[in-house]
């Protein structure tokens, strides 16, 4: 499927972004990854913050392509759009992030201690790598949306 087909299915709607909006989202990513690296909070919170950073990176990809998810299943669809934007080789990354989405919901709403230090560290490292890839992609595909 394509983002256009997702839009035709009613899963996405058109969205016109700006350099300012992308800059603000990138600033949130940087803040979240810095905070997630801090060792003075629980691993559940570190995991949740790192998840938010990864979600924002996927949001940037969708916004840059001219879409935003509709409210129903917004996180799921935002994460699943990753291989549609960056390429089919990112399908496993989208599946990993969906597993993280489920774990994040568990530690956010159900119980304490569901994320380990290793879980948080792994997701932080993943999000940092994704950040580099998203910035590279933005500069190549949408240079007007990023600062030089």
Foldseek 3Di string as FASTA:
>chain_A
DAVVVCVVVVFKDFAADALVVLVVLVVLLVVLLVVLPDPPDDLLSSLLSLLSSQLSLLQSQQNLVGIAGDPVCRSLVSLCCVCNRVHPVCNVVSVVSVVSVVLNCCCVPPHPDSGDNVSSVVSSVVSVVSSVVSVVCCCVPPVRNHDD
